[in-house]
Amino acid sequence: MGEIVSKGRFAELCNVTPGRVSQWLTKGMLHGPAIVGEGRNARIDVDLGKAQVKAARDVDQAHSGNGLATNLEAETPRQLPLANTVTDQIAEQRLELLKRQNREKETEEYARLGQLVEADDARRHAGQEVNRAINRFEGALPEFANAIAAKFKVPARDALHELKARWRIVRAAGAVEARERAEPLPERVGFDLDPDREC
């Protein structure tokens, strides 16, 4: 079976109009196995279709100059892939091994340059930094309370109590938000070591 194309594409390949292809179909010059499908969506097997039309044309049509530009010669057959032998399989496996080794070397190189890090280490380090920032802020709450107390003439203890209460609310809301953002994230993500490289 040759290439299967639309009627319009078949017309282009034969160097005729789509109307001519419709005429060939109506006259039965294109029939049977050359037609794949039915009706408007029917497609045509190029090699079989060209052979059928070539065989069905009048001798007069073929040689008188009428339809001289019509291309009904079958295309040269494409080279089929060779059988998948044991040697081919071994070569494919070697190629896969080399590709894997190259990926591992690239990964090691990027890690050495600091462009790749262990996800657990990065997560732990980020968590430690967030905890330090939170502790720094909580440690500064008494200073904030003293400044508010002095400016608004309220007891420092009351200002500190109100700041801590508000801080707990903000912290709880932040924890919920962080959990919601983290839930849809997968444990593992793919990455491209060299985004500029073309495949």
N, C-alpha and C. Protein backbone atom coordinates (compact mmCIF):
# COMPACT_ATOMS: atom_id res chain seq x y z
N MET A 1 0.85 -1.17 0.00
CA MET A 1 0.00 0.00 0.00
C MET A 1 0.89 1.23 0.00
N GLY A 2 0.60 2.16 -0.89
CA GLY A 2 1.38 3.39 -1.00
C GLY A 2 0.90 4.45 -0.03
N GLU A 3 1.33 5.65 -0.27
CA GLU A 3 0.94 6.79 0.55
C GLU A 3 -0.54 7.06 0.35
N ILE A 4 -1.26 7.31 1.43
CA ILE A 4 -2.70 7.60 1.37
C ILE A 4 -2.86 9.11 1.52
N VAL A 5 -3.51 9.74 0.53
CA VAL A 5 -3.66 11.20 0.55
C VAL A 5 -5.10 11.59 0.25
N SER A 6 -5.40 12.87 0.49
CA SER A 6 -6.73 13.39 0.17
C SER A 6 -6.87 13.51 -1.35
N LYS A 7 -8.11 13.69 -1.79
CA LYS A 7 -8.35 13.83 -3.23
C LYS A 7 -7.64 15.07 -3.77
N GLY A 8 -7.65 16.15 -3.01
CA GLY A 8 -6.98 17.37 -3.44
C GLY A 8 -5.48 17.18 -3.58
N ARG A 9 -4.89 16.49 -2.62
CA ARG A 9 -3.44 16.23 -2.69
C ARG A 9 -3.12 15.29 -3.85
N PHE A 10 -3.99 14.31 -4.09
CA PHE A 10 -3.80 13.39 -5.22
C PHE A 10 -3.83 14.18 -6.54
N ALA A 11 -4.74 15.16 -6.61
CA ALA A 11 -4.81 16.00 -7.81
C ALA A 11 -3.50 16.75 -8.01
N GLU A 12 -2.94 17.30 -6.93
CA GLU A 12 -1.65 18.00 -7.02
C GLU A 12 -0.55 17.06 -7.50
N LEU A 13 -0.51 15.85 -6.94
CA LEU A 13 0.53 14.90 -7.31
C LEU A 13 0.42 14.48 -8.78
N CYS A 14 -0.81 14.45 -9.30
CA CYS A 14 -1.02 14.06 -10.70
C CYS A 14 -0.98 15.27 -11.64
N ASN A 15 -0.85 16.46 -11.07
CA ASN A 15 -0.78 17.70 -11.85
C ASN A 15 -2.09 17.93 -12.63
N VAL A 16 -3.22 17.67 -11.94
CA VAL A 16 -4.54 17.91 -12.52
C VAL A 16 -5.37 18.69 -11.50
N THR A 17 -6.56 19.10 -11.91
CA THR A 17 -7.44 19.82 -10.99
C THR A 17 -8.20 18.81 -10.12
N PRO A 18 -8.70 19.25 -8.97
CA PRO A 18 -9.52 18.36 -8.15
C PRO A 18 -10.77 17.88 -8.90
N GLY A 19 -11.28 18.72 -9.80
CA GLY A 19 -12.44 18.32 -10.60
C GLY A 19 -12.14 17.11 -11.48
N ARG A 20 -10.92 17.05 -12.00
CA ARG A 20 -10.53 15.91 -12.84
C ARG A 20 -10.53 14.63 -12.01
N VAL A 21 -10.05 14.72 -10.76
CA VAL A 21 -10.04 13.54 -9.88
C VAL A 21 -11.48 13.09 -9.64
N SER A 22 -12.39 14.05 -9.45
CA SER A 22 -13.81 13.69 -9.26
C SER A 22 -14.35 12.99 -10.50
N GLN A 23 -13.95 13.47 -11.69
CA GLN A 23 -14.39 12.81 -12.92
C GLN A 23 -13.85 11.38 -12.99
N TRP A 24 -12.59 11.19 -12.63
CA TRP A 24 -12.00 9.85 -12.64
C TRP A 24 -12.78 8.91 -11.72
N LEU A 25 -13.19 9.45 -10.55
CA LEU A 25 -13.96 8.64 -9.61
C LEU A 25 -15.33 8.29 -10.20
N THR A 26 -15.99 9.28 -10.81
CA THR A 26 -17.31 9.08 -11.39
C THR A 26 -17.27 8.06 -12.53
N LYS A 27 -16.24 8.16 -13.37
CA LYS A 27 -16.11 7.25 -14.52
C LYS A 27 -15.62 5.86 -14.11
N GLY A 28 -15.19 5.72 -12.86
CA GLY A 28 -14.70 4.42 -12.40
C GLY A 28 -13.24 4.19 -12.73
N MET A 29 -12.55 5.23 -13.17
CA MET A 29 -11.11 5.08 -13.45
C MET A 29 -10.33 4.90 -12.15
N LEU A 30 -10.85 5.45 -11.08
CA LEU A 30 -10.31 5.21 -9.73
C LEU A 30 -11.36 4.37 -9.01
N HIS A 31 -10.97 3.22 -8.50
CA HIS A 31 -11.97 2.34 -7.89
C HIS A 31 -11.29 1.37 -6.92
N GLY A 32 -12.11 0.63 -6.22
CA GLY A 32 -11.66 -0.48 -5.37
C GLY A 32 -10.59 -0.11 -4.35
N PRO A 33 -9.49 -0.87 -4.36
CA PRO A 33 -8.48 -0.71 -3.31
C PRO A 33 -7.75 0.63 -3.36
N ALA A 34 -7.88 1.37 -4.46
CA ALA A 34 -7.22 2.68 -4.54
C ALA A 34 -7.96 3.71 -3.69
N ILE A 35 -9.22 3.43 -3.37
CA ILE A 35 -10.03 4.38 -2.59
C ILE A 35 -10.13 3.87 -1.16
N VAL A 36 -9.70 4.70 -0.23
CA VAL A 36 -9.73 4.34 1.19
C VAL A 36 -10.79 5.22 1.85
N GLY A 37 -11.83 4.62 2.38
CA GLY A 37 -12.91 5.39 2.99
C GLY A 37 -14.03 5.61 1.98
N GLU A 38 -15.03 6.42 2.40
CA GLU A 38 -16.18 6.64 1.54
C GLU A 38 -16.57 8.10 1.52
N GLY A 39 -17.27 8.48 0.46
CA GLY A 39 -17.86 9.81 0.37
C GLY A 39 -16.83 10.93 0.33
N ARG A 40 -17.21 12.04 0.97
CA ARG A 40 -16.35 13.23 0.97
C ARG A 40 -15.02 12.98 1.66
N ASN A 41 -15.00 12.06 2.61
CA ASN A 41 -13.78 11.81 3.38
C ASN A 41 -12.90 10.73 2.76
N ALA A 42 -13.27 10.25 1.59
CA ALA A 42 -12.48 9.20 0.94
C ALA A 42 -11.08 9.73 0.63
N ARG A 43 -10.11 8.85 0.79
CA ARG A 43 -8.72 9.20 0.49
C ARG A 43 -8.23 8.23 -0.58
N ILE A 44 -7.10 8.55 -1.17
CA ILE A 44 -6.64 7.75 -2.31
C ILE A 44 -5.23 7.25 -2.08
N ASP A 45 -5.03 5.96 -2.38
CA ASP A 45 -3.69 5.36 -2.35
C ASP A 45 -2.99 5.84 -3.62
N VAL A 46 -1.91 6.61 -3.45
CA VAL A 46 -1.26 7.27 -4.58
C VAL A 46 -0.80 6.27 -5.64
N ASP A 47 -0.05 5.25 -5.23
CA ASP A 47 0.50 4.31 -6.21
C ASP A 47 -0.59 3.56 -6.96
N LEU A 48 -1.57 3.01 -6.23
CA LEU A 48 -2.66 2.28 -6.88
C LEU A 48 -3.50 3.20 -7.76
N GLY A 49 -3.78 4.40 -7.25
CA GLY A 49 -4.59 5.35 -8.01
C GLY A 49 -3.95 5.73 -9.33
N LYS A 50 -2.65 6.04 -9.29
CA LYS A 50 -1.95 6.41 -10.53
C LYS A 50 -1.95 5.24 -11.51
N ALA A 51 -1.73 4.04 -11.00
CA ALA A 51 -1.71 2.86 -11.88
C ALA A 51 -3.09 2.63 -12.51
N GLN A 52 -4.16 2.78 -11.72
CA GLN A 52 -5.51 2.57 -12.25
C GLN A 52 -5.85 3.59 -13.33
N VAL A 53 -5.55 4.86 -13.07
CA VAL A 53 -5.87 5.91 -14.05
C VAL A 53 -5.05 5.71 -15.31
N LYS A 54 -3.78 5.36 -15.15
CA LYS A 54 -2.91 5.15 -16.31
C LYS A 54 -3.44 4.00 -17.18
N ALA A 55 -3.90 2.94 -16.54
CA ALA A 55 -4.42 1.78 -17.28
C ALA A 55 -5.76 2.09 -17.94
N ALA A 56 -6.57 2.95 -17.32
CA ALA A 56 -7.92 3.20 -17.82
C ALA A 56 -7.99 4.31 -18.86
N ARG A 57 -6.96 5.11 -19.00
CA ARG A 57 -7.02 6.23 -19.96
C ARG A 57 -7.05 5.71 -21.39
N ASP A 58 -7.71 6.46 -22.24
CA ASP A 58 -7.73 6.12 -23.67
C ASP A 58 -6.33 6.28 -24.23
N VAL A 59 -6.01 5.47 -25.21
CA VAL A 59 -4.71 5.59 -25.87
C VAL A 59 -4.60 6.98 -26.48
N ASP A 60 -5.70 7.45 -27.05
CA ASP A 60 -5.73 8.77 -27.66
C ASP A 60 -5.41 9.85 -26.62
N GLN A 61 -6.01 9.75 -25.44
CA GLN A 61 -5.77 10.73 -24.38
C GLN A 61 -4.32 10.71 -23.95
N ALA A 62 -3.76 9.56 -23.82
CA ALA A 62 -2.41 9.44 -23.29
C ALA A 62 -1.36 10.01 -24.23
N HIS A 63 -1.61 9.97 -25.55
CA HIS A 63 -0.55 10.34 -26.48
C HIS A 63 -0.87 11.53 -27.39
N SER A 64 -2.09 12.05 -27.34
CA SER A 64 -2.47 13.12 -28.26
C SER A 64 -2.10 14.50 -27.77
N GLY A 65 -1.64 14.60 -26.57
CA GLY A 65 -1.34 15.93 -26.04
C GLY A 65 -2.40 16.39 -25.07
N ASN A 66 -3.58 15.78 -25.11
CA ASN A 66 -4.62 16.12 -24.16
C ASN A 66 -4.26 15.45 -22.83
N GLY A 67 -3.98 16.22 -21.84
CA GLY A 67 -3.56 15.66 -20.55
C GLY A 67 -2.09 15.33 -20.53
N LEU A 68 -1.32 16.01 -21.39
CA LEU A 68 0.10 15.73 -21.49
C LEU A 68 0.83 15.99 -20.17
N ALA A 69 0.36 16.99 -19.42
CA ALA A 69 1.05 17.34 -18.17
C ALA A 69 0.66 16.43 -17.01
N THR A 70 -0.30 15.55 -17.24
CA THR A 70 -0.73 14.66 -16.16
C THR A 70 0.40 13.73 -15.77
N ASN A 71 0.66 13.67 -14.47
CA ASN A 71 1.76 12.86 -13.95
C ASN A 71 1.20 11.58 -13.36
N LEU A 72 1.32 10.49 -14.10
CA LEU A 72 0.80 9.22 -13.60
C LEU A 72 1.89 8.20 -13.36
N GLU A 73 3.13 8.63 -13.40
CA GLU A 73 4.24 7.71 -13.13
C GLU A 73 4.32 7.49 -11.63
N ALA A 74 4.45 6.25 -11.25
CA ALA A 74 4.57 5.93 -9.82
C ALA A 74 5.88 6.48 -9.29
N GLU A 75 5.83 6.95 -8.06
CA GLU A 75 7.05 7.45 -7.44
C GLU A 75 8.00 6.29 -7.19
N THR A 76 9.29 6.60 -7.16
CA THR A 76 10.26 5.55 -6.88
C THR A 76 10.00 5.01 -5.48
N PRO A 77 10.05 3.72 -5.33
CA PRO A 77 9.75 3.15 -4.01
C PRO A 77 10.76 3.61 -2.97
N ARG A 78 10.25 3.83 -1.80
CA ARG A 78 11.12 4.25 -0.70
C ARG A 78 11.88 3.05 -0.18
N GLN A 79 13.07 3.33 0.32
CA GLN A 79 13.89 2.27 0.90
C GLN A 79 13.26 1.85 2.23
N LEU A 80 12.90 0.60 2.34
CA LEU A 80 12.32 0.11 3.58
C LEU A 80 13.42 -0.09 4.61
N PRO A 81 13.12 0.12 5.87
CA PRO A 81 14.14 -0.10 6.88
C PRO A 81 14.56 -1.57 6.90
N LEU A 82 15.82 -1.79 7.15
CA LEU A 82 16.34 -3.15 7.20
C LEU A 82 15.77 -3.89 8.39
N ALA A 83 15.78 -5.18 8.32
CA ALA A 83 15.25 -5.99 9.42
C ALA A 83 16.04 -5.71 10.69
N ASN A 84 15.36 -5.78 11.80
CA ASN A 84 15.98 -5.51 13.09
C ASN A 84 16.73 -6.76 13.54
N THR A 85 18.00 -6.82 13.22
CA THR A 85 18.80 -8.00 13.55
C THR A 85 19.38 -7.87 14.94
N VAL A 86 20.02 -8.94 15.39
CA VAL A 86 20.66 -8.94 16.71
C VAL A 86 21.74 -7.86 16.75
N THR A 87 22.47 -7.71 15.65
CA THR A 87 23.52 -6.69 15.58
C THR A 87 22.91 -5.30 15.75
N ASP A 88 21.77 -5.07 15.10
CA ASP A 88 21.09 -3.78 15.24
C ASP A 88 20.65 -3.55 16.69
N GLN A 89 20.14 -4.60 17.32
CA GLN A 89 19.69 -4.47 18.70
C GLN A 89 20.86 -4.16 19.62
N ILE A 90 21.99 -4.81 19.39
CA ILE A 90 23.18 -4.54 20.21
C ILE A 90 23.63 -3.10 20.00
N ALA A 91 23.62 -2.64 18.75
CA ALA A 91 24.02 -1.27 18.45
C ALA A 91 23.09 -0.27 19.14
N GLU A 92 21.77 -0.56 19.12
CA GLU A 92 20.80 0.32 19.78
C GLU A 92 21.06 0.37 21.28
N GLN A 93 21.34 -0.80 21.88
CA GLN A 93 21.60 -0.84 23.32
C GLN A 93 22.87 -0.08 23.67
N ARG A 94 23.90 -0.22 22.83
CA ARG A 94 25.14 0.53 23.07
C ARG A 94 24.87 2.03 22.98
N LEU A 95 24.08 2.42 21.99
CA LEU A 95 23.75 3.83 21.83
C LEU A 95 23.01 4.34 23.06
N GLU A 96 22.04 3.57 23.55
CA GLU A 96 21.30 3.95 24.75
C GLU A 96 22.24 4.07 25.95
N LEU A 97 23.18 3.13 26.07
CA LEU A 97 24.15 3.16 27.16
C LEU A 97 25.00 4.43 27.08
N LEU A 98 25.47 4.75 25.88
CA LEU A 98 26.28 5.96 25.71
C LEU A 98 25.47 7.21 26.03
N LYS A 99 24.22 7.25 25.60
CA LYS A 99 23.37 8.40 25.91
C LYS A 99 23.19 8.54 27.42
N ARG A 100 22.93 7.41 28.10
CA ARG A 100 22.75 7.44 29.55
C ARG A 100 24.02 7.93 30.24
N GLN A 101 25.18 7.41 29.80
CA GLN A 101 26.45 7.83 30.39
C GLN A 101 26.68 9.33 30.17
N ASN A 102 26.35 9.81 28.99
CA ASN A 102 26.50 11.25 28.72
C ASN A 102 25.58 12.08 29.61
N ARG A 103 24.33 11.60 29.82
CA ARG A 103 23.41 12.32 30.71
C ARG A 103 23.95 12.36 32.12
N GLU A 104 24.50 11.22 32.59
CA GLU A 104 25.05 11.17 33.94
C GLU A 104 26.23 12.12 34.08
N LYS A 105 27.10 12.15 33.07
CA LYS A 105 28.25 13.07 33.11
C LYS A 105 27.78 14.52 33.13
N GLU A 106 26.77 14.83 32.31
CA GLU A 106 26.23 16.20 32.30
C GLU A 106 25.66 16.56 33.66
N THR A 107 24.92 15.62 34.24
CA THR A 107 24.33 15.86 35.55
C THR A 107 25.41 16.12 36.59
N GLU A 108 26.46 15.31 36.58
CA GLU A 108 27.57 15.50 37.52
C GLU A 108 28.23 16.86 37.31
N GLU A 109 28.40 17.26 36.06
CA GLU A 109 29.03 18.54 35.75
C GLU A 109 28.18 19.70 36.26
N TYR A 110 26.88 19.65 36.00
CA TYR A 110 25.99 20.70 36.48
C TYR A 110 25.96 20.74 38.01
N ALA A 111 25.98 19.58 38.64
CA ALA A 111 26.00 19.54 40.11
C ALA A 111 27.30 20.14 40.63
N ARG A 112 28.42 19.81 39.97
CA ARG A 112 29.72 20.34 40.39
C ARG A 112 29.74 21.86 40.27
N LEU A 113 29.09 22.39 39.24
CA LEU A 113 29.06 23.84 39.03
C LEU A 113 28.03 24.53 39.94
N GLY A 114 27.27 23.73 40.69
CA GLY A 114 26.28 24.31 41.59
C GLY A 114 24.96 24.63 40.92
N GLN A 115 24.77 24.14 39.72
CA GLN A 115 23.52 24.42 39.01
C GLN A 115 22.45 23.37 39.30
N LEU A 116 22.85 22.26 39.91
CA LEU A 116 21.91 21.25 40.38
C LEU A 116 22.19 21.02 41.85
N VAL A 117 21.14 20.90 42.62
CA VAL A 117 21.31 20.63 44.05
C VAL A 117 20.36 19.51 44.44
N GLU A 118 20.66 18.87 45.56
CA GLU A 118 19.75 17.85 46.09
C GLU A 118 18.48 18.54 46.58
N ALA A 119 17.34 18.05 46.15
CA ALA A 119 16.07 18.68 46.50
C ALA A 119 15.84 18.68 48.00
N ASP A 120 16.17 17.57 48.68
CA ASP A 120 15.97 17.51 50.14
C ASP A 120 16.83 18.54 50.85
N ASP A 121 18.10 18.68 50.41
CA ASP A 121 18.99 19.67 51.02
C ASP A 121 18.46 21.08 50.80
N ALA A 122 18.00 21.36 49.59
CA ALA A 122 17.48 22.69 49.28
C ALA A 122 16.23 22.98 50.11
N ARG A 123 15.34 21.99 50.23
CA ARG A 123 14.12 22.16 51.02
C ARG A 123 14.45 22.41 52.49
N ARG A 124 15.41 21.62 53.01
CA ARG A 124 15.80 21.78 54.41
C ARG A 124 16.42 23.16 54.65
N HIS A 125 17.30 23.58 53.73
CA HIS A 125 17.97 24.87 53.87
C HIS A 125 16.95 26.01 53.80
N ALA A 126 16.00 25.93 52.86
CA ALA A 126 14.98 26.97 52.74
C ALA A 126 14.13 27.03 54.01
N GLY A 127 13.78 25.86 54.55
CA GLY A 127 13.01 25.82 55.79
C GLY A 127 13.76 26.46 56.95
N GLN A 128 15.06 26.19 57.04
CA GLN A 128 15.87 26.79 58.11
C GLN A 128 15.91 28.31 57.98
N GLU A 129 16.05 28.81 56.75
CA GLU A 129 16.08 30.26 56.54
C GLU A 129 14.75 30.90 56.92
N VAL A 130 13.65 30.25 56.56
CA VAL A 130 12.33 30.78 56.91
C VAL A 130 12.17 30.81 58.43
N ASN A 131 12.59 29.73 59.11
CA ASN A 131 12.50 29.70 60.58
C ASN A 131 13.33 30.81 61.21
N ARG A 132 14.53 31.05 60.69
CA ARG A 132 15.37 32.13 61.23
C ARG A 132 14.68 33.48 61.08
N ALA A 133 14.08 33.72 59.90
CA ALA A 133 13.40 34.99 59.66
C ALA A 133 12.21 35.16 60.61
N ILE A 134 11.45 34.09 60.79
CA ILE A 134 10.29 34.15 61.70
C ILE A 134 10.75 34.41 63.13
N ASN A 135 11.78 33.69 63.57
CA ASN A 135 12.29 33.88 64.93
C ASN A 135 12.82 35.29 65.13
N ARG A 136 13.50 35.84 64.10
CA ARG A 136 14.00 37.21 64.19
C ARG A 136 12.83 38.18 64.37
N PHE A 137 11.77 37.98 63.59
CA PHE A 137 10.61 38.86 63.68
C PHE A 137 9.94 38.73 65.04
N GLU A 138 9.74 37.49 65.51
CA GLU A 138 9.10 37.29 66.82
C GLU A 138 9.95 37.89 67.93
N GLY A 139 11.28 37.79 67.79
CA GLY A 139 12.17 38.38 68.79
C GLY A 139 12.08 39.90 68.82
N ALA A 140 11.67 40.50 67.71
CA ALA A 140 11.57 41.95 67.64
C ALA A 140 10.21 42.47 68.10
N LEU A 141 9.25 41.59 68.36
CA LEU A 141 7.91 42.03 68.78
C LEU A 141 7.95 42.91 70.04
N PRO A 142 8.76 42.58 71.08
CA PRO A 142 8.80 43.48 72.24
C PRO A 142 9.30 44.88 71.88
N GLU A 143 10.24 44.97 70.95
CA GLU A 143 10.71 46.30 70.52
C GLU A 143 9.59 47.05 69.82
N PHE A 144 8.84 46.35 68.96
CA PHE A 144 7.71 46.98 68.28
C PHE A 144 6.69 47.47 69.31
N ALA A 145 6.41 46.60 70.30
CA ALA A 145 5.42 46.95 71.33
C ALA A 145 5.87 48.18 72.10
N ASN A 146 7.15 48.28 72.46
CA ASN A 146 7.65 49.45 73.19
C ASN A 146 7.51 50.71 72.34
N ALA A 147 7.79 50.61 71.04
CA ALA A 147 7.67 51.78 70.16
C ALA A 147 6.21 52.22 70.04
N ILE A 148 5.30 51.27 69.91
CA ILE A 148 3.87 51.59 69.82
C ILE A 148 3.39 52.20 71.13
N ALA A 149 3.83 51.61 72.26
CA ALA A 149 3.41 52.10 73.57
C ALA A 149 3.87 53.54 73.78
N ALA A 150 5.08 53.85 73.39
CA ALA A 150 5.60 55.20 73.57
C ALA A 150 4.86 56.19 72.67
N LYS A 151 4.57 55.80 71.44
CA LYS A 151 3.94 56.71 70.49
C LYS A 151 2.47 56.97 70.83
N PHE A 152 1.73 55.92 71.24
CA PHE A 152 0.29 56.06 71.46
C PHE A 152 -0.10 56.11 72.94
N LYS A 153 0.88 56.15 73.81
CA LYS A 153 0.63 56.29 75.26
C LYS A 153 -0.27 55.17 75.79
N VAL A 154 0.10 53.91 75.44
CA VAL A 154 -0.60 52.74 75.96
C VAL A 154 0.43 51.88 76.68
N PRO A 155 0.00 50.99 77.58
CA PRO A 155 0.96 50.13 78.26
C PRO A 155 1.67 49.19 77.26
N ALA A 156 2.97 49.03 77.42
CA ALA A 156 3.78 48.18 76.53
C ALA A 156 3.29 46.73 76.57
N ARG A 157 2.86 46.27 77.75
CA ARG A 157 2.37 44.91 77.90
C ARG A 157 1.13 44.68 77.04
N ASP A 158 0.20 45.65 77.00
CA ASP A 158 -1.01 45.52 76.18
C ASP A 158 -0.66 45.52 74.69
N ALA A 159 0.27 46.38 74.30
CA ALA A 159 0.69 46.45 72.89
C ALA A 159 1.34 45.13 72.47
N LEU A 160 2.20 44.57 73.35
CA LEU A 160 2.86 43.30 73.04
C LEU A 160 1.84 42.17 72.93
N HIS A 161 0.87 42.16 73.85
CA HIS A 161 -0.18 41.14 73.83
C HIS A 161 -0.95 41.19 72.49
N GLU A 162 -1.32 42.39 72.06
CA GLU A 162 -2.07 42.55 70.81
C GLU A 162 -1.23 42.15 69.60
N LEU A 163 0.06 42.53 69.58
CA LEU A 163 0.95 42.17 68.47
C LEU A 163 1.10 40.65 68.36
N LYS A 164 1.29 39.97 69.51
CA LYS A 164 1.45 38.52 69.49
C LYS A 164 0.17 37.83 69.00
N ALA A 165 -0.99 38.34 69.43
CA ALA A 165 -2.27 37.76 69.00
C ALA A 165 -2.43 37.89 67.48
N ARG A 166 -2.15 39.08 66.97
CA ARG A 166 -2.26 39.30 65.51
C ARG A 166 -1.24 38.45 64.76
N TRP A 167 -0.04 38.33 65.32
CA TRP A 167 1.02 37.55 64.67
C TRP A 167 0.61 36.08 64.56
N ARG A 168 -0.03 35.51 65.60
CA ARG A 168 -0.47 34.13 65.55
C ARG A 168 -1.50 33.92 64.43
N ILE A 169 -2.40 34.88 64.26
CA ILE A 169 -3.42 34.79 63.20
C ILE A 169 -2.75 34.80 61.83
N VAL A 170 -1.82 35.73 61.64
CA VAL A 170 -1.12 35.84 60.36
C VAL A 170 -0.31 34.58 60.08
N ARG A 171 0.36 34.07 61.11
CA ARG A 171 1.18 32.87 60.94
C ARG A 171 0.34 31.65 60.58
N ALA A 172 -0.81 31.50 61.23
CA ALA A 172 -1.70 30.36 60.95
C ALA A 172 -2.22 30.45 59.51
N ALA A 173 -2.61 31.64 59.08
CA ALA A 173 -3.09 31.81 57.70
C ALA A 173 -1.97 31.50 56.71
N GLY A 174 -0.75 31.93 57.02
CA GLY A 174 0.40 31.65 56.15
C GLY A 174 0.68 30.17 56.05
N ALA A 175 0.53 29.44 57.16
CA ALA A 175 0.78 28.00 57.16
C ALA A 175 -0.24 27.28 56.27
N VAL A 176 -1.51 27.69 56.37
CA VAL A 176 -2.55 27.08 55.53
C VAL A 176 -2.26 27.36 54.06
N GLU A 177 -1.92 28.59 53.76
CA GLU A 177 -1.61 28.98 52.38
C GLU A 177 -0.42 28.19 51.84
N ALA A 178 0.62 28.03 52.65
CA ALA A 178 1.81 27.28 52.22
C ALA A 178 1.47 25.82 51.95
N ARG A 179 0.62 25.23 52.80
CA ARG A 179 0.20 23.84 52.60
C ARG A 179 -0.57 23.70 51.29
N GLU A 180 -1.48 24.63 51.04
CA GLU A 180 -2.27 24.56 49.80
C GLU A 180 -1.39 24.70 48.57
N ARG A 181 -0.39 25.55 48.63
CA ARG A 181 0.52 25.72 47.49
C ARG A 181 1.38 24.49 47.30
N ALA A 182 1.76 23.82 48.38
CA ALA A 182 2.67 22.68 48.30
C ALA A 182 1.97 21.40 47.88
N GLU A 183 0.68 21.24 48.14
CA GLU A 183 -0.03 20.00 47.84
C GLU A 183 0.01 19.60 46.37
N PRO A 184 -0.23 20.51 45.43
CA PRO A 184 -0.23 20.06 44.03
C PRO A 184 1.17 19.82 43.46
N LEU A 185 2.20 20.17 44.18
CA LEU A 185 3.55 20.00 43.65
C LEU A 185 3.96 18.54 43.70
N PRO A 186 4.50 18.00 42.60
CA PRO A 186 4.95 16.61 42.59
C PRO A 186 6.24 16.44 43.38
N GLU A 187 6.48 15.22 43.82
CA GLU A 187 7.72 14.93 44.54
C GLU A 187 8.92 15.07 43.62
N ARG A 188 8.75 14.64 42.36
CA ARG A 188 9.85 14.71 41.40
C ARG A 188 9.42 15.55 40.22
N VAL A 189 10.35 16.31 39.70
CA VAL A 189 10.09 17.07 38.49
C VAL A 189 11.21 16.81 37.51
N GLY A 190 10.86 16.81 36.23
CA GLY A 190 11.88 16.64 35.20
C GLY A 190 12.60 17.95 34.96
N PHE A 191 13.76 17.86 34.38
CA PHE A 191 14.49 19.08 34.07
C PHE A 191 15.32 18.86 32.82
N ASP A 192 15.60 19.94 32.14
CA ASP A 192 16.45 19.90 30.96
C ASP A 192 17.77 20.50 31.36
N LEU A 193 18.83 19.71 31.25
CA LEU A 193 20.13 20.20 31.68
C LEU A 193 20.60 21.38 30.85
N ASP A 194 20.28 21.37 29.58
CA ASP A 194 20.72 22.45 28.70
C ASP A 194 19.53 22.91 27.88
N PRO A 195 18.80 23.94 28.36
CA PRO A 195 17.59 24.36 27.66
C PRO A 195 17.86 24.94 26.28
N ASP A 196 19.10 25.33 26.00
CA ASP A 196 19.42 25.90 24.69
C ASP A 196 19.72 24.84 23.65
N ARG A 197 19.94 23.60 24.10
CA ARG A 197 20.31 22.53 23.19
C ARG A 197 19.09 22.10 22.38
N GLU A 198 19.30 21.91 21.09
CA GLU A 198 18.22 21.42 20.24
C GLU A 198 18.25 19.90 20.23
N CYS A 199 17.08 19.29 20.23
CA CYS A 199 17.02 17.83 20.22
C CYS A 199 17.29 17.31 18.84
